[in-house]
């Protein structure tokens, strides 16, 4: 790509050196440069590859310089735009290559990429009021149920109000960010276990509106549309075709060191 861009810019610069020397009778000569020598114009003809002269009074210098300047400015803008596009492509490749190939969720802090840990959670059903401790992923039984994550606070802390997370997926699945509700010694993800895995049926009261960007076939970046308010959150992956979850919890705390080992009560 770099070779193509360099060639493209070089071609632009070459064209920028060739311009029309306009004559007052409406004709023109394709030239590379010209000099005003008293009452004569000396110019290098790109058509014949040699220096030639013409009386100054026959040349429309005002039109020649106006068009030459406009063309030069336009070519410089295009060359700059292509250079910026090349720089953006290289930055994107670097961003993609910085994310580990292992499936999971990652967060970039400065120049360091951190892997989030999959959360332990419980499924609490209303029918039997029975708590089952599991390590995700786990198939959940459809019905009235709640998912709770152990602990009042996450150990993974971010200080950005619009944190960006990377999902390296093992297969194409749906994902998003939800806000958690602290309750005694757990954080509640309300009724998420019983939601059918289809976009139109997901309850939205805890869902955070997000932007999503696909960086590669198996790599996505997701971040909130609006700044988060301080609190407990989780990034969640929903397996399509089956009621199954993967949960990575985090907390947003403005200011202070990111990703603290623990939050003091």
Protein backbone atom coordinates (compact mmCIF):
# COMPACT_ATOMS: atom_id res chain seq x y z
CA UNK A 1 0.00 0.00 0.00
CA UNK A 2 2.82 2.40 0.87
CA UNK A 3 4.44 1.82 -2.57
CA UNK A 4 1.13 2.62 -4.31
CA UNK A 5 0.66 5.84 -2.32
CA UNK A 6 4.24 6.98 -2.98
CA UNK A 7 3.80 6.31 -6.71
CA UNK A 8 0.46 8.14 -6.68
CA UNK A 9 1.93 11.22 -4.98
CA UNK A 10 4.94 11.19 -7.33
CA UNK A 11 2.61 11.11 -10.32
CA UNK A 12 0.68 14.07 -8.90
CA UNK A 13 3.87 16.07 -8.43
CA UNK A 14 4.92 15.28 -11.98
CA UNK A 15 1.57 16.47 -13.33
CA UNK A 16 1.77 19.56 -11.14
CA UNK A 17 5.04 20.48 -12.94
CA UNK A 18 3.26 20.37 -16.32
CA UNK A 19 0.84 23.19 -17.05
CA UNK A 20 -0.64 25.25 -19.87
CA UNK A 21 1.02 28.44 -21.06
CA UNK A 22 -2.01 30.31 -22.41
CA UNK A 23 -1.83 32.55 -25.46
CA UNK A 24 -4.08 35.55 -25.98
CA UNK A 25 -5.49 34.04 -29.19
CA UNK A 26 -6.96 31.11 -27.18
CA UNK A 27 -4.24 28.60 -28.01
CA UNK A 28 -1.78 27.19 -25.43
CA UNK A 29 1.49 25.30 -25.04
CA UNK A 30 2.08 22.46 -22.54
CA UNK A 31 5.14 23.52 -20.57
CA UNK A 32 7.19 22.49 -17.55
CA UNK A 33 8.43 26.00 -16.69
CA UNK A 34 8.88 29.42 -18.18
CA UNK A 35 10.93 32.61 -17.68
CA UNK A 36 10.11 36.24 -18.45
CA UNK A 37 13.10 37.75 -20.28
CA UNK A 38 12.22 41.36 -21.10
CA UNK A 39 9.76 41.28 -24.00
CA UNK A 40 10.21 37.54 -24.53
CA UNK A 41 8.87 34.44 -22.75
CA UNK A 42 11.29 31.52 -22.67
CA UNK A 43 9.59 28.19 -21.87
CA UNK A 44 10.37 24.46 -21.85
CA UNK A 45 7.90 22.64 -24.10
CA UNK A 46 6.92 19.20 -22.82
CA UNK A 47 5.45 18.43 -26.25
CA UNK A 48 8.77 18.87 -28.08
CA UNK A 49 11.18 18.42 -25.17
CA UNK A 50 13.17 21.60 -25.75
CA UNK A 51 13.40 25.29 -24.80
CA UNK A 52 11.52 27.76 -26.99
CA UNK A 53 10.76 31.49 -27.01
CA UNK A 54 7.69 33.57 -27.83
CA UNK A 55 6.93 37.32 -27.69
CA UNK A 56 5.58 38.29 -24.26
CA UNK A 57 2.72 40.28 -25.80
CA UNK A 58 1.23 37.05 -27.21
CA UNK A 59 1.07 35.31 -23.79
CA UNK A 60 -1.81 35.57 -21.30
CA UNK A 61 0.32 35.41 -18.12
CA UNK A 62 -2.59 36.26 -15.76
CA UNK A 63 -4.70 33.29 -16.92
CA UNK A 64 -1.64 31.02 -16.97
CA UNK A 65 -0.68 31.78 -13.36
CA UNK A 66 -4.26 31.66 -12.07
CA UNK A 67 -4.90 28.18 -13.47
CA UNK A 68 -1.43 26.94 -12.53
CA UNK A 69 -1.91 28.05 -8.91
CA UNK A 70 -5.40 26.49 -8.71
CA UNK A 71 -4.17 23.17 -10.12
CA UNK A 72 -1.19 23.10 -7.78
CA UNK A 73 -3.38 23.73 -4.71
CA UNK A 74 -5.84 21.01 -5.76
CA UNK A 75 -3.10 18.43 -6.29
CA UNK A 76 -1.53 19.26 -2.94
CA UNK A 77 -4.89 18.75 -1.21
CA UNK A 78 -5.37 15.38 -2.91
CA UNK A 79 -1.84 14.29 -2.03
CA UNK A 80 -2.44 15.33 1.60
CA UNK A 81 -5.76 13.44 1.72
CA UNK A 82 -4.11 10.29 0.38
CA UNK A 83 -1.26 10.58 2.88
CA UNK A 84 -3.78 10.96 5.73
CA UNK A 85 -5.74 7.93 4.46
CA UNK A 86 -2.54 5.87 4.37
CA UNK A 87 -1.72 6.98 7.92
CA UNK A 88 -5.23 6.04 9.11
CA UNK A 89 -4.94 2.58 7.49
CA UNK A 90 -1.59 1.97 9.18
CA UNK A 91 -3.03 3.08 12.54
CA UNK A 92 -5.99 0.69 12.09
CA UNK A 93 -3.66 -2.22 11.25
CA UNK A 94 -1.63 -1.45 14.36
CA UNK A 95 -4.80 -1.34 16.47
CA UNK A 96 -5.97 -4.72 15.15
CA UNK A 97 -2.56 -6.35 15.62
CA UNK A 98 -2.38 -5.14 19.24
CA UNK A 99 -5.40 -7.28 20.25
CA UNK A 100 -4.53 -10.90 21.18
CA UNK A 101 -5.84 -13.62 18.87
CA UNK A 102 -7.46 -15.57 21.72
CA UNK A 103 -11.26 -15.12 21.95
CA UNK A 104 -12.22 -12.78 24.78
CA UNK A 105 -12.79 -9.17 25.80
CA UNK A 106 -9.96 -6.66 25.99
CA UNK A 107 -9.45 -3.08 27.15
CA UNK A 108 -6.63 -0.81 26.03
CA UNK A 109 -5.08 1.49 28.61
CA UNK A 110 -2.39 3.70 27.15
CA UNK A 111 -0.18 1.39 25.10
CA UNK A 112 -1.09 -1.71 27.09
CA UNK A 113 -3.93 -4.12 26.28
CA UNK A 114 -5.57 -5.84 29.27
CA UNK A 115 -7.73 -8.94 29.14
CA UNK A 116 -10.92 -8.88 31.23
CA UNK A 117 -11.69 -11.96 33.34
CA UNK A 118 -14.92 -13.89 32.81
CA UNK A 119 -17.19 -13.33 35.81
CA UNK A 120 -18.68 -15.98 38.07
CA UNK A 121 -22.44 -15.58 38.34
CA UNK A 122 -25.53 -17.24 39.81
CA UNK A 123 -28.84 -17.98 38.18
CA UNK A 124 -31.75 -17.42 40.56
CA UNK A 125 -35.12 -18.82 39.46
CA UNK A 126 -38.41 -17.58 40.93
CA UNK A 127 -40.05 -20.99 40.66
CA UNK A 128 -37.80 -22.72 43.20
CA UNK A 129 -35.85 -19.70 44.46
CA UNK A 130 -32.79 -21.86 44.05
CA UNK A 131 -29.33 -20.38 43.42
CA UNK A 132 -26.95 -22.29 41.18
CA UNK A 133 -23.30 -21.19 41.21
CA UNK A 134 -21.72 -21.66 37.81
CA UNK A 135 -18.75 -20.59 35.79
CA UNK A 136 -19.87 -19.07 32.49
CA UNK A 137 -20.68 -19.98 29.82
CA UNK A 138 -23.72 -21.93 31.03
CA UNK A 139 -27.03 -22.84 29.35
CA UNK A 140 -29.89 -21.08 31.12
CA UNK A 141 -33.39 -22.52 31.45
CA UNK A 142 -36.05 -20.27 29.89
CA UNK A 143 -38.43 -18.89 32.45
CA UNK A 144 -38.56 -16.17 35.06
CA UNK A 145 -35.03 -15.82 36.40
CA UNK A 146 -32.32 -13.35 37.30
CA UNK A 147 -28.57 -13.37 36.89
CA UNK A 148 -26.38 -12.05 39.70
CA UNK A 149 -22.62 -11.55 39.79
CA UNK A 150 -20.80 -12.25 43.01
CA UNK A 151 -19.34 -9.29 44.93
CA UNK A 152 -20.47 -5.69 45.39
CA UNK A 153 -17.72 -4.23 43.20
CA UNK A 154 -15.67 -5.26 40.20
CA UNK A 155 -11.90 -5.46 40.54
CA UNK A 156 -11.50 -4.20 36.99
CA UNK A 157 -11.83 -0.39 37.06
CA UNK A 158 -11.78 2.08 34.18
CA UNK A 159 -11.57 5.87 34.46
CA UNK A 160 -12.89 6.77 30.97
CA UNK A 161 -16.55 7.74 30.76
CA UNK A 162 -16.67 6.26 27.24
CA UNK A 163 -14.46 3.17 27.57
CA UNK A 164 -13.85 1.15 24.41
CA UNK A 165 -13.79 -2.65 24.63
CA UNK A 166 -12.56 -5.12 22.02
CA UNK A 167 -14.36 -8.43 21.40
CA UNK A 168 -12.36 -11.22 19.77
CA UNK A 169 -15.13 -13.71 18.94
CA UNK A 170 -14.77 -17.46 18.44
CA UNK A 171 -17.93 -17.27 16.29
CA UNK A 172 -20.39 -14.58 15.25
CA UNK A 173 -22.45 -13.64 18.31
CA UNK A 174 -24.24 -10.62 19.72
CA UNK A 175 -22.69 -8.47 22.45
CA UNK A 176 -23.24 -5.25 24.38
CA UNK A 177 -22.75 -3.31 27.60
CA UNK A 178 -25.24 -3.38 30.51
CA UNK A 179 -25.44 -1.56 33.82
CA UNK A 180 -25.52 -3.69 36.95
CA UNK A 181 -27.54 -3.06 40.11
CA UNK A 182 -25.56 -3.58 43.39
CA UNK A 183 -27.64 -5.45 45.97
CA UNK A 184 -26.16 -6.63 49.25
CA UNK A 185 -23.17 -8.79 48.27
CA UNK A 186 -24.02 -9.19 44.58
CA UNK A 187 -24.62 -7.17 41.40
CA UNK A 188 -27.86 -7.93 39.56
CA UNK A 189 -28.35 -8.26 35.81
CA UNK A 190 -32.13 -8.06 35.80
CA UNK A 191 -33.96 -10.93 34.02
CA UNK A 192 -31.31 -11.20 31.36
CA UNK A 193 -31.28 -14.99 31.59
CA UNK A 194 -34.74 -15.44 30.14
CA UNK A 195 -34.46 -13.02 27.21
CA UNK A 196 -34.74 -14.79 23.84
CA UNK A 197 -31.55 -14.25 21.88
CA UNK A 198 -32.89 -11.92 19.23
CA UNK A 199 -32.41 -8.18 18.99
CA UNK A 200 -36.07 -7.21 18.99
CA UNK A 201 -36.91 -9.12 22.18
CA UNK A 202 -34.09 -7.96 24.45
CA UNK A 203 -35.17 -5.86 27.43
CA UNK A 204 -33.50 -2.49 27.18
CA UNK A 205 -33.87 -0.93 30.64
CA UNK A 206 -30.33 -1.98 31.64
CA UNK A 207 -28.83 -1.92 28.16
CA UNK A 208 -26.32 0.85 27.40
CA UNK A 209 -26.66 2.38 23.94
CA UNK A 210 -23.40 1.74 22.13
CA UNK A 211 -21.47 2.29 18.93
CA UNK A 212 -20.00 -0.83 17.30
CA UNK A 213 -17.14 -1.03 14.79
CA UNK A 214 -16.02 -4.19 13.02
CA UNK A 215 -12.23 -4.11 12.75
CA UNK A 216 -11.76 -7.63 11.33
CA UNK A 217 -13.91 -10.68 10.59
CA UNK A 218 -13.72 -11.80 14.24
CA UNK A 219 -12.84 -8.53 15.98
CA UNK A 220 -15.20 -5.77 17.10
CA UNK A 221 -14.88 -2.60 19.13
CA UNK A 222 -17.81 -1.33 21.23
CA UNK A 223 -18.12 1.85 23.29
CA UNK A 224 -20.98 3.85 24.87
CA UNK A 225 -22.79 6.47 22.81
CA UNK A 226 -23.09 8.71 25.90
CA UNK A 227 -20.75 9.12 28.88
CA UNK A 228 -21.29 6.51 31.59
CA UNK A 229 -22.30 7.52 35.09
CA UNK A 230 -20.12 6.09 37.88
CA UNK A 231 -21.13 2.57 38.81
CA UNK A 232 -20.97 -1.13 38.02
CA UNK A 233 -21.22 -2.49 34.47
CA UNK A 234 -20.59 -5.59 32.41
CA UNK A 235 -19.83 -6.41 28.80
CA UNK A 236 -21.92 -9.41 27.75
CA UNK A 237 -21.78 -11.83 24.85
CA UNK A 238 -25.02 -13.59 23.91
CA UNK A 239 -24.68 -16.90 22.07
CA UNK A 240 -27.10 -17.01 19.14
CA UNK A 241 -29.46 -19.96 18.88
CA UNK A 242 -29.16 -20.92 22.56
CA UNK A 243 -29.73 -19.21 25.88
CA UNK A 244 -26.13 -18.75 26.96
CA UNK A 245 -24.03 -15.90 28.30
CA UNK A 246 -20.45 -14.78 28.73
CA UNK A 247 -20.02 -11.90 31.19
CA UNK A 248 -17.02 -9.65 31.89
CA UNK A 249 -17.66 -7.15 34.70
CA UNK A 250 -16.05 -3.74 35.21
CA UNK A 251 -16.60 -0.57 37.21
CA UNK A 252 -16.40 3.03 36.05
CA UNK A 253 -14.78 5.37 38.56
CA UNK A 254 -13.82 8.87 37.36
CA UNK A 255 -10.26 9.85 38.32
CA UNK A 256 -7.66 7.85 40.20
CA UNK A 257 -5.56 4.89 39.01
CA UNK A 258 -7.30 2.67 36.46
CA UNK A 259 -7.80 -1.05 37.02
CA UNK A 260 -7.17 -0.93 40.76
CA UNK A 261 -6.56 -4.29 42.38
CA UNK A 262 -9.65 -3.78 44.52
CA UNK A 263 -12.11 -1.14 45.62
CA UNK A 264 -12.12 -0.42 49.31
CA UNK A 265 -15.51 -0.53 50.95
